[in-house]
Amino acid sequence: MDAILTTFEPEGAAVAEDLEVQLEAARGWLEGFARRVAEDVAQCTLGLVKSHFSEADLEPVVDGVAPDTSDLAWSDYLTSTRPIAGRVAADLNL
């Protein structure tokens, strides 16, 4: 990129460095944004579960998928919950 910018603009290398800094900052911002959205969605989803099953212990969810869950069963769970996830997502107020 530096070579291209330098060819057309004498200060191209400086522009490229500025662009690289800006892109790196944007990537950091996007990563932070994605993390916050993921946390908000997880909190909302777990809150919905608790509102219907107040006695549910959600702590095991932190460890991920239950160890005895096969890949096929996990795939089936994801497939069967897709329509519900879409309806829940439509009602999210982030």
N, C-alpha and C. Protein backbone atom coordinates (compact mmCIF):
# COMPACT_ATOMS: atom_id res chain seq x y z
N MET A 1 0.83 -1.17 0.00
CA MET A 1 0.00 0.00 0.00
C MET A 1 0.89 1.25 0.00
N ASP A 2 1.96 1.22 0.77
CA ASP A 2 2.86 2.37 0.82
C ASP A 2 3.40 2.71 -0.57
N ALA A 3 3.78 1.69 -1.33
CA ALA A 3 4.34 1.94 -2.66
C ALA A 3 3.32 2.59 -3.58
N ILE A 4 2.10 2.17 -3.51
CA ILE A 4 1.06 2.74 -4.36
C ILE A 4 0.80 4.19 -3.99
N LEU A 5 0.65 4.46 -2.69
CA LEU A 5 0.38 5.82 -2.26
C LEU A 5 1.56 6.74 -2.56
N THR A 6 2.79 6.25 -2.39
CA THR A 6 3.97 7.06 -2.65
C THR A 6 4.08 7.39 -4.14
N THR A 7 3.65 6.48 -4.99
CA THR A 7 3.71 6.71 -6.43
C THR A 7 2.82 7.89 -6.83
N PHE A 8 1.65 7.97 -6.26
CA PHE A 8 0.70 9.01 -6.66
C PHE A 8 0.74 10.25 -5.78
N GLU A 9 1.32 10.13 -4.62
CA GLU A 9 1.35 11.26 -3.70
C GLU A 9 2.67 11.22 -2.94
N PRO A 10 3.45 12.30 -3.00
CA PRO A 10 4.75 12.31 -2.32
C PRO A 10 4.64 12.00 -0.83
N GLU A 11 3.55 12.40 -0.23
CA GLU A 11 3.38 12.14 1.20
C GLU A 11 2.58 10.86 1.43
N GLY A 12 2.56 10.01 0.43
CA GLY A 12 1.75 8.79 0.49
C GLY A 12 2.09 7.87 1.63
N ALA A 13 3.37 7.76 1.95
CA ALA A 13 3.77 6.88 3.04
C ALA A 13 3.18 7.36 4.36
N ALA A 14 3.19 8.67 4.57
CA ALA A 14 2.62 9.22 5.80
C ALA A 14 1.12 8.98 5.83
N VAL A 15 0.47 9.13 4.69
CA VAL A 15 -0.97 8.89 4.61
C VAL A 15 -1.27 7.42 4.93
N ALA A 16 -0.43 6.53 4.39
CA ALA A 16 -0.62 5.10 4.64
C ALA A 16 -0.46 4.78 6.13
N GLU A 17 0.52 5.40 6.77
CA GLU A 17 0.72 5.17 8.19
C GLU A 17 -0.49 5.68 8.98
N ASP A 18 -0.98 6.87 8.61
CA ASP A 18 -2.18 7.39 9.28
C ASP A 18 -3.37 6.46 9.08
N LEU A 19 -3.52 5.95 7.87
CA LEU A 19 -4.62 5.04 7.57
C LEU A 19 -4.48 3.76 8.38
N GLU A 20 -3.28 3.24 8.47
CA GLU A 20 -3.05 2.02 9.23
C GLU A 20 -3.41 2.23 10.71
N VAL A 21 -3.02 3.36 11.27
CA VAL A 21 -3.35 3.67 12.66
C VAL A 21 -4.86 3.78 12.83
N GLN A 22 -5.52 4.44 11.89
CA GLN A 22 -6.97 4.59 11.96
C GLN A 22 -7.67 3.25 11.85
N LEU A 23 -7.21 2.41 10.93
CA LEU A 23 -7.82 1.08 10.77
C LEU A 23 -7.62 0.22 12.01
N GLU A 24 -6.44 0.30 12.61
CA GLU A 24 -6.18 -0.47 13.82
C GLU A 24 -7.07 0.01 14.97
N ALA A 25 -7.24 1.32 15.08
CA ALA A 25 -8.13 1.87 16.11
C ALA A 25 -9.57 1.44 15.86
N ALA A 26 -9.99 1.44 14.59
CA ALA A 26 -11.35 1.03 14.25
C ALA A 26 -11.56 -0.44 14.58
N ARG A 27 -10.55 -1.26 14.32
CA ARG A 27 -10.67 -2.68 14.63
C ARG A 27 -10.84 -2.88 16.14
N GLY A 28 -10.06 -2.15 16.92
CA GLY A 28 -10.18 -2.25 18.38
C GLY A 28 -11.56 -1.81 18.84
N TRP A 29 -12.07 -0.73 18.25
CA TRP A 29 -13.40 -0.25 18.60
C TRP A 29 -14.46 -1.29 18.23
N LEU A 30 -14.35 -1.87 17.04
CA LEU A 30 -15.32 -2.88 16.60
C LEU A 30 -15.28 -4.13 17.49
N GLU A 31 -14.09 -4.55 17.88
CA GLU A 31 -13.98 -5.70 18.77
C GLU A 31 -14.66 -5.43 20.11
N GLY A 32 -14.44 -4.24 20.65
CA GLY A 32 -15.08 -3.86 21.90
C GLY A 32 -16.59 -3.79 21.76
N PHE A 33 -17.04 -3.22 20.65
CA PHE A 33 -18.47 -3.11 20.38
C PHE A 33 -19.10 -4.50 20.29
N ALA A 34 -18.47 -5.39 19.54
CA ALA A 34 -18.99 -6.76 19.37
C ALA A 34 -19.05 -7.48 20.72
N ARG A 35 -18.04 -7.29 21.54
CA ARG A 35 -18.02 -7.92 22.86
C ARG A 35 -19.18 -7.40 23.72
N ARG A 36 -19.40 -6.08 23.71
CA ARG A 36 -20.49 -5.50 24.51
C ARG A 36 -21.85 -5.99 24.02
N VAL A 37 -22.03 -6.09 22.70
CA VAL A 37 -23.29 -6.59 22.16
C VAL A 37 -23.49 -8.05 22.56
N ALA A 38 -22.44 -8.85 22.47
CA ALA A 38 -22.54 -10.26 22.85
C ALA A 38 -22.91 -10.39 24.33
N GLU A 39 -22.30 -9.57 25.18
CA GLU A 39 -22.61 -9.61 26.61
C GLU A 39 -24.06 -9.19 26.86
N ASP A 40 -24.51 -8.14 26.17
CA ASP A 40 -25.90 -7.69 26.33
C ASP A 40 -26.89 -8.76 25.90
N VAL A 41 -26.61 -9.40 24.77
CA VAL A 41 -27.51 -10.44 24.26
C VAL A 41 -27.51 -11.65 25.20
N ALA A 42 -26.32 -12.05 25.68
CA ALA A 42 -26.25 -13.17 26.62
C ALA A 42 -27.02 -12.84 27.90
N GLN A 43 -26.84 -11.63 28.41
CA GLN A 43 -27.54 -11.23 29.63
C GLN A 43 -29.05 -11.25 29.42
N CYS A 44 -29.50 -10.72 28.31
CA CYS A 44 -30.93 -10.70 28.01
C CYS A 44 -31.48 -12.12 27.89
N THR A 45 -30.77 -12.97 27.18
CA THR A 45 -31.22 -14.36 26.99
C THR A 45 -31.28 -15.10 28.32
N LEU A 46 -30.23 -14.97 29.13
CA LEU A 46 -30.23 -15.65 30.42
C LEU A 46 -31.31 -15.07 31.34
N GLY A 47 -31.54 -13.77 31.24
CA GLY A 47 -32.63 -13.16 32.00
C GLY A 47 -33.98 -13.70 31.61
N LEU A 48 -34.18 -13.91 30.31
CA LEU A 48 -35.43 -14.50 29.83
C LEU A 48 -35.61 -15.90 30.40
N VAL A 49 -34.55 -16.68 30.38
CA VAL A 49 -34.63 -18.04 30.94
C VAL A 49 -35.00 -17.96 32.41
N LYS A 50 -34.33 -17.08 33.17
CA LYS A 50 -34.62 -16.95 34.60
C LYS A 50 -36.05 -16.48 34.85
N SER A 51 -36.58 -15.63 33.96
CA SER A 51 -37.95 -15.14 34.17
C SER A 51 -38.97 -16.27 34.07
N HIS A 52 -38.66 -17.31 33.33
CA HIS A 52 -39.57 -18.45 33.19
C HIS A 52 -39.21 -19.60 34.13
N PHE A 53 -37.94 -19.71 34.45
CA PHE A 53 -37.45 -20.80 35.31
C PHE A 53 -36.56 -20.18 36.38
N SER A 54 -37.18 -19.49 37.34
CA SER A 54 -36.42 -18.70 38.33
C SER A 54 -35.47 -19.54 39.17
N GLU A 55 -35.75 -20.81 39.31
CA GLU A 55 -34.89 -21.68 40.11
C GLU A 55 -33.73 -22.27 39.30
N ALA A 56 -33.69 -22.01 38.01
CA ALA A 56 -32.65 -22.60 37.16
C ALA A 56 -31.27 -22.11 37.58
N ASP A 57 -30.33 -23.05 37.70
CA ASP A 57 -28.94 -22.72 38.01
C ASP A 57 -28.22 -22.48 36.69
N LEU A 58 -27.89 -21.25 36.40
CA LEU A 58 -27.26 -20.91 35.12
C LEU A 58 -25.74 -21.02 35.17
N GLU A 59 -25.19 -21.28 36.32
CA GLU A 59 -23.72 -21.33 36.46
C GLU A 59 -23.06 -22.35 35.52
N PRO A 60 -23.62 -23.54 35.32
CA PRO A 60 -22.97 -24.50 34.40
C PRO A 60 -22.83 -23.97 32.97
N VAL A 61 -23.66 -23.01 32.58
CA VAL A 61 -23.59 -22.46 31.23
C VAL A 61 -22.23 -21.80 30.98
N VAL A 62 -21.63 -21.29 32.04
CA VAL A 62 -20.33 -20.62 31.93
C VAL A 62 -19.28 -21.57 31.36
N ASP A 63 -19.42 -22.86 31.66
CA ASP A 63 -18.45 -23.86 31.19
C ASP A 63 -18.68 -24.30 29.75
N GLY A 64 -19.71 -23.78 29.10
CA GLY A 64 -19.99 -24.14 27.72
C GLY A 64 -20.95 -25.31 27.62
N VAL A 65 -20.88 -25.98 26.51
CA VAL A 65 -21.77 -27.12 26.25
C VAL A 65 -21.47 -28.24 27.24
N ALA A 66 -22.52 -28.89 27.71
CA ALA A 66 -22.35 -30.01 28.64
C ALA A 66 -21.44 -31.06 28.02
N PRO A 67 -20.52 -31.61 28.81
CA PRO A 67 -19.52 -32.55 28.27
C PRO A 67 -20.10 -33.76 27.56
N ASP A 68 -21.27 -34.21 27.98
CA ASP A 68 -21.84 -35.42 27.37
C ASP A 68 -22.72 -35.12 26.15
N THR A 69 -22.68 -33.87 25.66
CA THR A 69 -23.47 -33.49 24.49
C THR A 69 -22.67 -33.77 23.23
N SER A 70 -23.22 -34.60 22.36
CA SER A 70 -22.52 -34.92 21.11
C SER A 70 -22.60 -33.74 20.15
N ASP A 71 -21.73 -33.74 19.16
CA ASP A 71 -21.77 -32.69 18.14
C ASP A 71 -23.11 -32.70 17.40
N LEU A 72 -23.63 -33.89 17.16
CA LEU A 72 -24.92 -34.01 16.48
C LEU A 72 -26.04 -33.42 17.34
N ALA A 73 -26.03 -33.75 18.62
CA ALA A 73 -27.06 -33.21 19.52
C ALA A 73 -26.95 -31.69 19.59
N TRP A 74 -25.74 -31.16 19.69
CA TRP A 74 -25.54 -29.71 19.74
C TRP A 74 -26.07 -29.06 18.46
N SER A 75 -25.76 -29.66 17.34
CA SER A 75 -26.26 -29.14 16.06
C SER A 75 -27.79 -29.15 16.03
N ASP A 76 -28.38 -30.22 16.54
CA ASP A 76 -29.84 -30.31 16.60
C ASP A 76 -30.42 -29.23 17.51
N TYR A 77 -29.76 -28.99 18.66
CA TYR A 77 -30.23 -27.95 19.57
C TYR A 77 -30.20 -26.58 18.89
N LEU A 78 -29.11 -26.30 18.20
CA LEU A 78 -29.00 -25.01 17.51
C LEU A 78 -30.06 -24.86 16.42
N THR A 79 -30.26 -25.93 15.67
CA THR A 79 -31.27 -25.90 14.60
C THR A 79 -32.67 -25.69 15.17
N SER A 80 -32.97 -26.39 16.24
CA SER A 80 -34.33 -26.29 16.80
C SER A 80 -34.59 -24.95 17.49
N THR A 81 -33.54 -24.28 17.94
CA THR A 81 -33.73 -23.00 18.62
C THR A 81 -33.63 -21.79 17.68
N ARG A 82 -33.22 -22.01 16.45
CA ARG A 82 -33.06 -20.89 15.49
C ARG A 82 -34.32 -20.05 15.35
N PRO A 83 -35.50 -20.65 15.14
CA PRO A 83 -36.71 -19.83 15.00
C PRO A 83 -37.03 -19.00 16.26
N ILE A 84 -36.81 -19.61 17.42
CA ILE A 84 -37.06 -18.89 18.67
C ILE A 84 -36.04 -17.76 18.82
N ALA A 85 -34.80 -18.03 18.49
CA ALA A 85 -33.76 -17.00 18.58
C ALA A 85 -34.10 -15.80 17.71
N GLY A 86 -34.62 -16.06 16.54
CA GLY A 86 -35.01 -14.98 15.64
C GLY A 86 -36.11 -14.13 16.23
N ARG A 87 -37.07 -14.78 16.88
CA ARG A 87 -38.18 -14.04 17.49
C ARG A 87 -37.69 -13.24 18.70
N VAL A 88 -36.81 -13.83 19.50
CA VAL A 88 -36.24 -13.12 20.65
C VAL A 88 -35.42 -11.92 20.17
N ALA A 89 -34.59 -12.13 19.15
CA ALA A 89 -33.74 -11.05 18.64
C ALA A 89 -34.57 -9.90 18.09
N ALA A 90 -35.72 -10.22 17.51
CA ALA A 90 -36.57 -9.17 16.96
C ALA A 90 -37.11 -8.26 18.07
N ASP A 91 -37.21 -8.79 19.27
CA ASP A 91 -37.74 -8.01 20.40
C ASP A 91 -36.66 -7.36 21.27
N LEU A 92 -35.38 -7.62 20.96
CA LEU A 92 -34.31 -7.03 21.77
C LEU A 92 -34.28 -5.52 21.59
N ASN A 93 -34.08 -4.85 22.68
CA ASN A 93 -33.94 -3.40 22.65
C ASN A 93 -32.55 -3.05 23.15
N LEU A 94 -31.58 -3.18 22.25
CA LEU A 94 -30.20 -2.88 22.62
C LEU A 94 -29.97 -1.41 22.46
